[in-house]
Amino acid sequence: MFRLITQKIFGKLLFLFWFFVTSPPILLMVWLFQTHENLRAYLGWLGFLIILFWFFGSLWLSMTTSRHMDVENQLFLEALKHTLSDLRFKLAFIPLLGAWFAPDEDKTRNDDDA
């Protein structure tokens, strides 16, 4: 019972962490929306989609990091590393962007160098 409560509280704290860490694209969109009046029609819908992905992406990152720390008993930096590895794995399956995130199959460079 206590472990479930701490996992939920820690998950909320991690959500706030990821929410603030991943906020620069949103701040850029707000700045562009305020300064470029001729782009407001385009930035409105694009900004809405980016904010939607930002919110749910932060939620996924926080739940994944919390799971790594709580269930797998990892320290924060190790859980962060595994969370970003999971994110890289998921992004590799996106059709147009996947090639940038796929591992190097011919092993001309180490994965740690990426």
N, C-alpha and C. Protein backbone atom coordinates (compact mmCIF):
# COMPACT_ATOMS: atom_id res chain seq x y z
N MET A 1 0.82 -1.19 0.00
CA MET A 1 0.00 0.00 0.00
C MET A 1 0.87 1.26 0.00
N PHE A 2 1.86 1.27 0.88
CA PHE A 2 2.75 2.43 0.98
C PHE A 2 3.55 2.60 -0.31
N ARG A 3 3.95 1.48 -0.90
CA ARG A 3 4.72 1.54 -2.14
C ARG A 3 3.89 2.12 -3.28
N LEU A 4 2.61 1.78 -3.35
CA LEU A 4 1.72 2.31 -4.37
C LEU A 4 1.55 3.82 -4.21
N ILE A 5 1.39 4.28 -2.98
CA ILE A 5 1.23 5.71 -2.72
C ILE A 5 2.50 6.46 -3.09
N THR A 6 3.66 5.94 -2.70
CA THR A 6 4.90 6.63 -3.04
C THR A 6 5.14 6.62 -4.56
N GLN A 7 4.75 5.54 -5.23
CA GLN A 7 4.90 5.49 -6.69
C GLN A 7 4.03 6.54 -7.35
N LYS A 8 2.81 6.73 -6.88
CA LYS A 8 1.91 7.74 -7.46
C LYS A 8 2.43 9.15 -7.20
N ILE A 9 2.89 9.42 -5.99
CA ILE A 9 3.43 10.75 -5.68
C ILE A 9 4.70 11.00 -6.47
N PHE A 10 5.57 10.02 -6.52
CA PHE A 10 6.81 10.18 -7.26
C PHE A 10 6.54 10.33 -8.76
N GLY A 11 5.52 9.64 -9.25
CA GLY A 11 5.13 9.78 -10.65
C GLY A 11 4.67 11.19 -10.98
N LYS A 12 3.93 11.82 -10.05
CA LYS A 12 3.51 13.21 -10.25
C LYS A 12 4.70 14.15 -10.24
N LEU A 13 5.66 13.93 -9.34
CA LEU A 13 6.85 14.77 -9.32
C LEU A 13 7.67 14.61 -10.59
N LEU A 14 7.77 13.37 -11.07
CA LEU A 14 8.48 13.14 -12.33
C LEU A 14 7.75 13.76 -13.51
N PHE A 15 6.41 13.78 -13.45
CA PHE A 15 5.65 14.44 -14.51
C PHE A 15 6.00 15.92 -14.55
N LEU A 16 6.07 16.57 -13.41
CA LEU A 16 6.45 17.99 -13.37
C LEU A 16 7.87 18.18 -13.87
N PHE A 17 8.77 17.26 -13.51
CA PHE A 17 10.15 17.32 -14.00
C PHE A 17 10.19 17.27 -15.52
N TRP A 18 9.55 16.25 -16.10
CA TRP A 18 9.56 16.10 -17.56
C TRP A 18 8.80 17.23 -18.25
N PHE A 19 7.76 17.74 -17.61
CA PHE A 19 6.98 18.84 -18.16
C PHE A 19 7.85 20.08 -18.33
N PHE A 20 8.68 20.37 -17.34
CA PHE A 20 9.55 21.54 -17.42
C PHE A 20 10.79 21.31 -18.28
N VAL A 21 11.32 20.10 -18.26
CA VAL A 21 12.51 19.81 -19.05
C VAL A 21 12.21 19.87 -20.55
N THR A 22 11.03 19.44 -20.94
CA THR A 22 10.67 19.41 -22.36
C THR A 22 9.89 20.64 -22.80
N SER A 23 9.89 21.71 -22.04
CA SER A 23 9.09 22.90 -22.36
C SER A 23 9.70 23.85 -23.40
N PRO A 24 10.99 23.85 -23.73
CA PRO A 24 11.49 24.84 -24.69
C PRO A 24 10.77 24.90 -26.05
N PRO A 25 10.35 23.80 -26.67
CA PRO A 25 9.60 23.95 -27.92
C PRO A 25 8.29 24.71 -27.74
N ILE A 26 7.65 24.53 -26.61
CA ILE A 26 6.40 25.24 -26.34
C ILE A 26 6.68 26.72 -26.15
N LEU A 27 7.75 27.04 -25.43
CA LEU A 27 8.11 28.43 -25.25
C LEU A 27 8.47 29.09 -26.57
N LEU A 28 9.10 28.35 -27.47
CA LEU A 28 9.39 28.87 -28.81
C LEU A 28 8.10 29.13 -29.58
N MET A 29 7.13 28.22 -29.48
CA MET A 29 5.85 28.41 -30.16
C MET A 29 5.12 29.63 -29.62
N VAL A 30 5.15 29.85 -28.31
CA VAL A 30 4.50 31.02 -27.72
C VAL A 30 5.18 32.29 -28.21
N TRP A 31 6.49 32.28 -28.26
CA TRP A 31 7.22 33.45 -28.73
C TRP A 31 6.90 33.74 -30.20
N LEU A 32 6.88 32.71 -31.03
CA LEU A 32 6.54 32.90 -32.44
C LEU A 32 5.11 33.39 -32.62
N PHE A 33 4.21 32.88 -31.81
CA PHE A 33 2.81 33.28 -31.88
C PHE A 33 2.64 34.75 -31.52
N GLN A 34 3.42 35.21 -30.55
CA GLN A 34 3.31 36.60 -30.11
C GLN A 34 3.99 37.58 -31.06
N THR A 35 5.07 37.17 -31.69
CA THR A 35 5.85 38.12 -32.48
C THR A 35 5.51 38.11 -33.97
N HIS A 36 5.04 37.02 -34.50
CA HIS A 36 4.77 36.93 -35.94
C HIS A 36 3.26 36.82 -36.16
N GLU A 37 2.65 37.93 -36.41
CA GLU A 37 1.19 37.95 -36.54
C GLU A 37 0.72 37.30 -37.84
N ASN A 38 1.57 37.26 -38.86
CA ASN A 38 1.16 36.65 -40.12
C ASN A 38 1.17 35.12 -40.05
N LEU A 39 1.79 34.55 -39.04
CA LEU A 39 1.84 33.09 -38.89
C LEU A 39 0.84 32.55 -37.87
N ARG A 40 0.02 33.41 -37.29
CA ARG A 40 -0.87 32.98 -36.20
C ARG A 40 -1.85 31.89 -36.62
N ALA A 41 -2.36 31.95 -37.82
CA ALA A 41 -3.32 30.93 -38.25
C ALA A 41 -2.66 29.55 -38.33
N TYR A 42 -1.42 29.51 -38.81
CA TYR A 42 -0.72 28.23 -38.91
C TYR A 42 -0.23 27.74 -37.56
N LEU A 43 0.25 28.67 -36.75
CA LEU A 43 0.81 28.29 -35.46
C LEU A 43 -0.26 27.85 -34.46
N GLY A 44 -1.49 28.27 -34.66
CA GLY A 44 -2.57 27.88 -33.76
C GLY A 44 -2.78 26.37 -33.75
N TRP A 45 -2.97 25.79 -34.92
CA TRP A 45 -3.19 24.34 -35.01
C TRP A 45 -1.92 23.55 -34.71
N LEU A 46 -0.81 24.03 -35.22
CA LEU A 46 0.46 23.36 -34.95
C LEU A 46 0.79 23.41 -33.46
N GLY A 47 0.54 24.55 -32.86
CA GLY A 47 0.77 24.70 -31.42
C GLY A 47 -0.12 23.79 -30.60
N PHE A 48 -1.38 23.65 -31.02
CA PHE A 48 -2.30 22.75 -30.32
C PHE A 48 -1.80 21.30 -30.38
N LEU A 49 -1.36 20.87 -31.56
CA LEU A 49 -0.85 19.50 -31.69
C LEU A 49 0.43 19.30 -30.87
N ILE A 50 1.32 20.29 -30.89
CA ILE A 50 2.56 20.17 -30.13
C ILE A 50 2.28 20.13 -28.64
N ILE A 51 1.34 20.95 -28.16
CA ILE A 51 0.99 20.94 -26.73
C ILE A 51 0.37 19.61 -26.35
N LEU A 52 -0.46 19.05 -27.23
CA LEU A 52 -1.06 17.74 -26.95
C LEU A 52 0.02 16.66 -26.85
N PHE A 53 0.96 16.63 -27.80
CA PHE A 53 2.06 15.66 -27.74
C PHE A 53 2.95 15.92 -26.52
N TRP A 54 3.15 17.19 -26.19
CA TRP A 54 3.98 17.56 -25.05
C TRP A 54 3.39 17.02 -23.76
N PHE A 55 2.08 17.20 -23.57
CA PHE A 55 1.43 16.75 -22.34
C PHE A 55 1.48 15.23 -22.23
N PHE A 56 1.03 14.53 -23.27
CA PHE A 56 1.00 13.07 -23.20
C PHE A 56 2.41 12.46 -23.24
N GLY A 57 3.34 13.12 -23.92
CA GLY A 57 4.72 12.66 -23.90
C GLY A 57 5.35 12.78 -22.52
N SER A 58 5.08 13.89 -21.85
CA SER A 58 5.59 14.06 -20.48
C SER A 58 4.97 13.03 -19.54
N LEU A 59 3.70 12.74 -19.75
CA LEU A 59 3.03 11.73 -18.94
C LEU A 59 3.67 10.35 -19.16
N TRP A 60 3.93 9.99 -20.42
CA TRP A 60 4.56 8.70 -20.70
C TRP A 60 5.97 8.64 -20.13
N LEU A 61 6.74 9.71 -20.31
CA LEU A 61 8.10 9.73 -19.76
C LEU A 61 8.10 9.60 -18.25
N SER A 62 7.18 10.26 -17.58
CA SER A 62 7.14 10.17 -16.12
C SER A 62 6.73 8.78 -15.65
N MET A 63 5.76 8.17 -16.31
CA MET A 63 5.34 6.82 -15.92
C MET A 63 6.44 5.81 -16.18
N THR A 64 7.15 5.96 -17.29
CA THR A 64 8.24 5.03 -17.60
C THR A 64 9.39 5.19 -16.63
N THR A 65 9.77 6.41 -16.32
CA THR A 65 10.85 6.65 -15.37
C THR A 65 10.46 6.14 -13.99
N SER A 66 9.23 6.39 -13.59
CA SER A 66 8.74 5.92 -12.30
C SER A 66 8.75 4.39 -12.23
N ARG A 67 8.36 3.74 -13.31
CA ARG A 67 8.38 2.27 -13.33
C ARG A 67 9.80 1.73 -13.21
N HIS A 68 10.74 2.38 -13.94
CA HIS A 68 12.13 1.93 -13.85
C HIS A 68 12.68 2.10 -12.44
N MET A 69 12.29 3.18 -11.79
CA MET A 69 12.82 3.43 -10.45
C MET A 69 12.15 2.56 -9.40
N ASP A 70 10.85 2.37 -9.52
CA ASP A 70 10.12 1.66 -8.48
C ASP A 70 10.16 0.15 -8.67
N VAL A 71 9.79 -0.33 -9.83
CA VAL A 71 9.69 -1.77 -10.06
C VAL A 71 11.06 -2.40 -10.24
N GLU A 72 11.94 -1.72 -10.97
CA GLU A 72 13.25 -2.30 -11.28
C GLU A 72 14.35 -1.83 -10.32
N ASN A 73 13.98 -1.03 -9.33
CA ASN A 73 14.90 -0.56 -8.28
C ASN A 73 16.17 0.09 -8.85
N GLN A 74 15.98 1.00 -9.79
CA GLN A 74 17.12 1.71 -10.38
C GLN A 74 17.23 3.09 -9.75
N LEU A 75 18.44 3.62 -9.78
CA LEU A 75 18.64 4.99 -9.34
C LEU A 75 18.15 5.94 -10.42
N PHE A 76 18.05 7.24 -10.08
CA PHE A 76 17.43 8.20 -10.99
C PHE A 76 18.16 8.28 -12.33
N LEU A 77 19.46 8.43 -12.32
CA LEU A 77 20.18 8.58 -13.58
C LEU A 77 20.13 7.31 -14.44
N GLU A 78 20.16 6.17 -13.79
CA GLU A 78 20.05 4.91 -14.54
C GLU A 78 18.64 4.76 -15.12
N ALA A 79 17.62 5.13 -14.34
CA ALA A 79 16.25 5.09 -14.84
C ALA A 79 16.05 6.09 -15.96
N LEU A 80 16.69 7.24 -15.86
CA LEU A 80 16.62 8.24 -16.92
C LEU A 80 17.24 7.72 -18.21
N LYS A 81 18.37 7.04 -18.08
CA LYS A 81 19.04 6.45 -19.24
C LYS A 81 18.17 5.40 -19.91
N HIS A 82 17.54 4.55 -19.11
CA HIS A 82 16.68 3.51 -19.67
C HIS A 82 15.39 4.09 -20.25
N THR A 83 14.89 5.17 -19.66
CA THR A 83 13.71 5.82 -20.21
C THR A 83 14.01 6.41 -21.58
N LEU A 84 15.15 7.06 -21.71
CA LEU A 84 15.52 7.63 -23.00
C LEU A 84 15.82 6.54 -24.03
N SER A 85 16.33 5.40 -23.57
CA SER A 85 16.53 4.26 -24.48
C SER A 85 15.18 3.72 -24.97
N ASP A 86 14.21 3.64 -24.06
CA ASP A 86 12.86 3.22 -24.46
C ASP A 86 12.25 4.20 -25.44
N LEU A 87 12.47 5.49 -25.21
CA LEU A 87 11.95 6.52 -26.12
C LEU A 87 12.59 6.38 -27.50
N ARG A 88 13.90 6.14 -27.53
CA ARG A 88 14.60 5.96 -28.80
C ARG A 88 14.05 4.75 -29.55
N PHE A 89 13.78 3.68 -28.82
CA PHE A 89 13.21 2.47 -29.42
C PHE A 89 11.83 2.75 -30.03
N LYS A 90 10.99 3.48 -29.30
CA LYS A 90 9.65 3.79 -29.81
C LYS A 90 9.71 4.75 -31.01
N LEU A 91 10.62 5.72 -30.97
CA LEU A 91 10.73 6.67 -32.08
C LEU A 91 11.29 6.02 -33.33
N ALA A 92 12.00 4.92 -33.19
CA ALA A 92 12.56 4.23 -34.35
C ALA A 92 11.47 3.63 -35.23
N PHE A 93 10.25 3.48 -34.72
CA PHE A 93 9.17 2.89 -35.50
C PHE A 93 8.31 3.92 -36.22
N ILE A 94 8.60 5.21 -36.06
CA ILE A 94 7.87 6.24 -36.79
C ILE A 94 8.38 6.24 -38.23
N PRO A 95 7.50 6.20 -39.22
CA PRO A 95 7.95 5.99 -40.61
C PRO A 95 9.00 6.98 -41.13
N LEU A 96 8.79 8.26 -41.04
CA LEU A 96 9.75 9.20 -41.63
C LEU A 96 10.92 9.52 -40.71
N LEU A 97 10.69 9.48 -39.41
CA LEU A 97 11.74 9.85 -38.45
C LEU A 97 12.52 8.65 -37.92
N GLY A 98 12.04 7.46 -38.17
CA GLY A 98 12.62 6.26 -37.58
C GLY A 98 14.07 6.02 -37.92
N ALA A 99 14.49 6.41 -39.10
CA ALA A 99 15.89 6.17 -39.51
C ALA A 99 16.87 6.96 -38.64
N TRP A 100 16.44 8.08 -38.12
CA TRP A 100 17.33 8.88 -37.26
C TRP A 100 17.54 8.24 -35.90
N PHE A 101 16.57 7.43 -35.45
CA PHE A 101 16.62 6.87 -34.12
C PHE A 101 16.94 5.38 -34.10
N ALA A 102 17.00 4.76 -35.26
CA ALA A 102 17.30 3.33 -35.33
C ALA A 102 18.76 3.09 -34.98
N PRO A 103 19.06 1.98 -34.31
CA PRO A 103 20.45 1.69 -33.99
C PRO A 103 21.28 1.42 -35.25
N ASP A 104 22.56 1.67 -35.14
CA ASP A 104 23.48 1.47 -36.25
C ASP A 104 23.73 -0.03 -36.40
N GLU A 105 23.21 -0.63 -37.49
CA GLU A 105 23.28 -2.07 -37.63
C GLU A 105 24.63 -2.57 -38.08
N ASP A 106 25.40 -1.77 -38.82
CA ASP A 106 26.69 -2.26 -39.26
C ASP A 106 27.77 -1.98 -38.21
N LYS A 107 27.39 -1.38 -37.12
CA LYS A 107 28.28 -1.13 -35.97
C LYS A 107 29.55 -0.39 -36.35
N THR A 108 29.39 0.66 -37.17
CA THR A 108 30.55 1.51 -37.47
C THR A 108 30.86 2.44 -36.31
N ARG A 109 29.89 2.60 -35.43
CA ARG A 109 30.15 3.38 -34.21
C ARG A 109 29.35 2.73 -33.07
N ASN A 110 29.78 2.95 -31.86
CA ASN A 110 29.12 2.38 -30.70
C ASN A 110 27.81 3.10 -30.43
N ASP A 111 26.84 2.41 -29.80
CA ASP A 111 25.59 3.04 -29.44
C ASP A 111 25.78 4.08 -28.35
N ASP A 112 26.82 3.94 -27.54
CA ASP A 112 27.07 4.89 -26.47
C ASP A 112 27.54 6.23 -27.02
N ASP A 113 28.07 6.26 -28.24
CA ASP A 113 28.55 7.50 -28.83
C ASP A 113 27.42 8.36 -29.37
N ALA A 114 26.25 7.76 -29.56
CA ALA A 114 25.12 8.49 -30.16
C ALA A 114 24.52 9.48 -29.20
